[in-house]
C-alpha atoms as a PDB file:
ATOM      1  CA  MET A   1      33.205 120.120  89.451  1.00  0.00           C
ATOM      2  CA  SER A   2      30.976 123.176  89.301  1.00  0.00           C
ATOM      3  CA  ASP A   3      31.038 125.730  86.515  1.00  0.00           C
ATOM      4  CA  GLN A   4      32.204 128.371  89.005  1.00  0.00           C
ATOM      5  CA  ILE A   5      35.219 126.268  89.974  1.00  0.00           C
ATOM      6  CA  ARG A   6      36.052 125.550  86.328  1.00  0.00           C
ATOM      7  CA  THR A   7      35.862 129.290  85.635  1.00  0.00           C
ATOM      8  CA  ALA A   8      38.146 130.026  88.592  1.00  0.00           C
ATOM      9  CA  ILE A   9      40.702 127.490  87.365  1.00  0.00           C
ATOM     10  CA  ALA A  10      40.559 128.819  83.802  1.00  0.00           C
ATOM     11  CA  ALA A  11      40.929 132.385  85.044  1.00  0.00           C
ATOM     12  CA  ALA A  12      44.056 131.495  87.004  1.00  0.00           C
ATOM     13  CA  ASP A  13      46.196 132.136  83.934  1.00  0.00           C
ATOM     14  CA  GLY A  14      44.658 135.437  82.919  1.00  0.00           C
ATOM     15  CA  GLY A  15      42.774 136.979  85.810  1.00  0.00           C
ATOM     16  CA  GLU A  16      44.027 139.488  88.348  1.00  0.00           C
ATOM     17  CA  PRO A  17      45.398 137.261  91.116  1.00  0.00           C
ATOM     18  CA  LEU A  18      44.044 139.200  94.092  1.00  0.00           C
ATOM     19  CA  ALA A  19      40.578 139.453  92.578  1.00  0.00           C
ATOM     20  CA  GLU A  20      40.640 135.719  91.826  1.00  0.00           C
ATOM     21  CA  LEU A  21      41.719 134.954  95.402  1.00  0.00           C
ATOM     22  CA  ARG A  22      38.792 136.977  96.733  1.00  0.00           C
ATOM     23  CA  ARG A  23      36.418 135.164  94.404  1.00  0.00           C
ATOM     24  CA  LEU A  24      37.793 131.782  95.470  1.00  0.00           C
ATOM     25  CA  ARG A  25      37.380 132.745  99.143  1.00  0.00           C
ATOM     26  CA  ALA A  26      33.730 133.576  98.460  1.00  0.00           C
ATOM     27  CA  LEU A  27      33.249 130.247  96.670  1.00  0.00           C
ATOM     28  CA  ARG A  28      34.771 128.417  99.660  1.00  0.00           C
ATOM     29  CA  ALA A  29      32.347 130.192 101.996  1.00  0.00           C
ATOM     30  CA  ASP A  30      29.390 129.261  99.768  1.00  0.00           C
ATOM     31  CA  LEU A  31      30.555 125.648  99.638  1.00  0.00           C
ATOM     32  CA  ALA A  32      30.960 125.502 103.438  1.00  0.00           C
ATOM     33  CA  ARG A  33      27.414 126.826 103.925  1.00  0.00           C
ATOM     34  CA  ALA A  34      26.026 124.289 101.450  1.00  0.00           C
ATOM     35  CA  GLU A  35      27.892 121.446 103.140  1.00  0.00           C
ATOM     36  CA  ALA A  36      26.636 122.462 106.591  1.00  0.00           C
ATOM     37  CA  GLU A  37      23.070 122.611 105.294  1.00  0.00           C
ATOM     38  CA  GLN A  38      23.300 119.132 103.802  1.00  0.00           C
ATOM     39  CA  VAL A  39      24.710 117.772 107.067  1.00  0.00           C
ATOM     40  CA  ARG A  40      21.759 119.341 108.927  1.00  0.00           C
ATOM     41  CA  ARG A  41      19.351 117.769 106.426  1.00  0.00           C
ATOM     42  CA  ALA A  42      21.042 114.378 106.759  1.00  0.00           C
ATOM     43  CA  ARG A  43      20.813 114.508 110.559  1.00  0.00           C
ATOM     44  CA  ALA A  44      17.160 115.576 110.358  1.00  0.00           C
ATOM     45  CA  ARG A  45      16.541 112.460 108.274  1.00  0.00           C
ATOM     46  CA  ALA A  46      18.258 110.331 110.938  1.00  0.00           C
ATOM     47  CA  HIS A  47      21.430 109.569 108.985  1.00  0.00           C
ATOM     48  CA  SER A  48      24.242 108.539 111.293  1.00  0.00           C
ATOM     49  CA  TRP A  49      27.444 110.457 111.839  1.00  0.00           C
ATOM     50  CA  VAL A  50      29.235 107.457 110.307  1.00  0.00           C
ATOM     51  CA  ALA A  51      27.218 107.770 107.083  1.00  0.00           C
ATOM     52  CA  ILE A  52      27.728 111.536 106.942  1.00  0.00           C
ATOM     53  CA  ALA A  53      31.456 111.197 107.615  1.00  0.00           C
ATOM     54  CA  ASP A  54      31.721 108.548 104.909  1.00  0.00           C
ATOM     55  CA  ALA A  55      30.029 110.871 102.395  1.00  0.00           C
ATOM     56  CA  LEU A  56      32.452 113.659 103.358  1.00  0.00           C
ATOM     57  CA  GLU A  57      35.439 111.274 103.394  1.00  0.00           C
ATOM     58  CA  ILE A  58      36.381 112.288 106.932  1.00  0.00           C
ATOM     59  CA  SER A  59      36.245 110.512 110.277  1.00  0.00           C
ATOM     60  CA  ARG A  60      33.042 110.299 112.303  1.00  0.00           C
ATOM     61  CA  GLN A  61      34.762 112.253 115.045  1.00  0.00           C
ATOM     62  CA  ALA A  62      35.755 115.041 112.647  1.00  0.00           C
ATOM     63  CA  ALA A  63      32.224 115.272 111.249  1.00  0.00           C
ATOM     64  CA  HIS A  64      30.676 115.408 114.706  1.00  0.00           C
ATOM     65  CA  LYS A  65      33.226 117.948 115.939  1.00  0.00           C
ATOM     66  CA  LYS A  66      32.638 120.230 112.961  1.00  0.00           C
ATOM     67  CA  TYR A  67      28.840 119.949 112.725  1.00  0.00           C
ATOM     68  CA  GLY A  68      27.600 118.312 115.919  1.00  0.00           C
ATOM     69  CA  ARG A  69      27.172 121.380 118.067  1.00  0.00           C
ATOM     70  CA  ARG A  70      25.258 123.540 115.601  1.00  0.00           C
END
């Protein structure tokens, strides 16, 4: 778990809820971009959709649907 996520969890008790929700949304967007980049790198290195899906703990079809057309 990243330091940013630990901070977000710790702040849940004391932070302003709407500000924390906005910060969590931004973290989700950053994580989605990082995941997409790693999928692109894996495909560029000839990793199969099965291997990528296994790493993401999703089905091959879900991985291909989400990242296959980019």
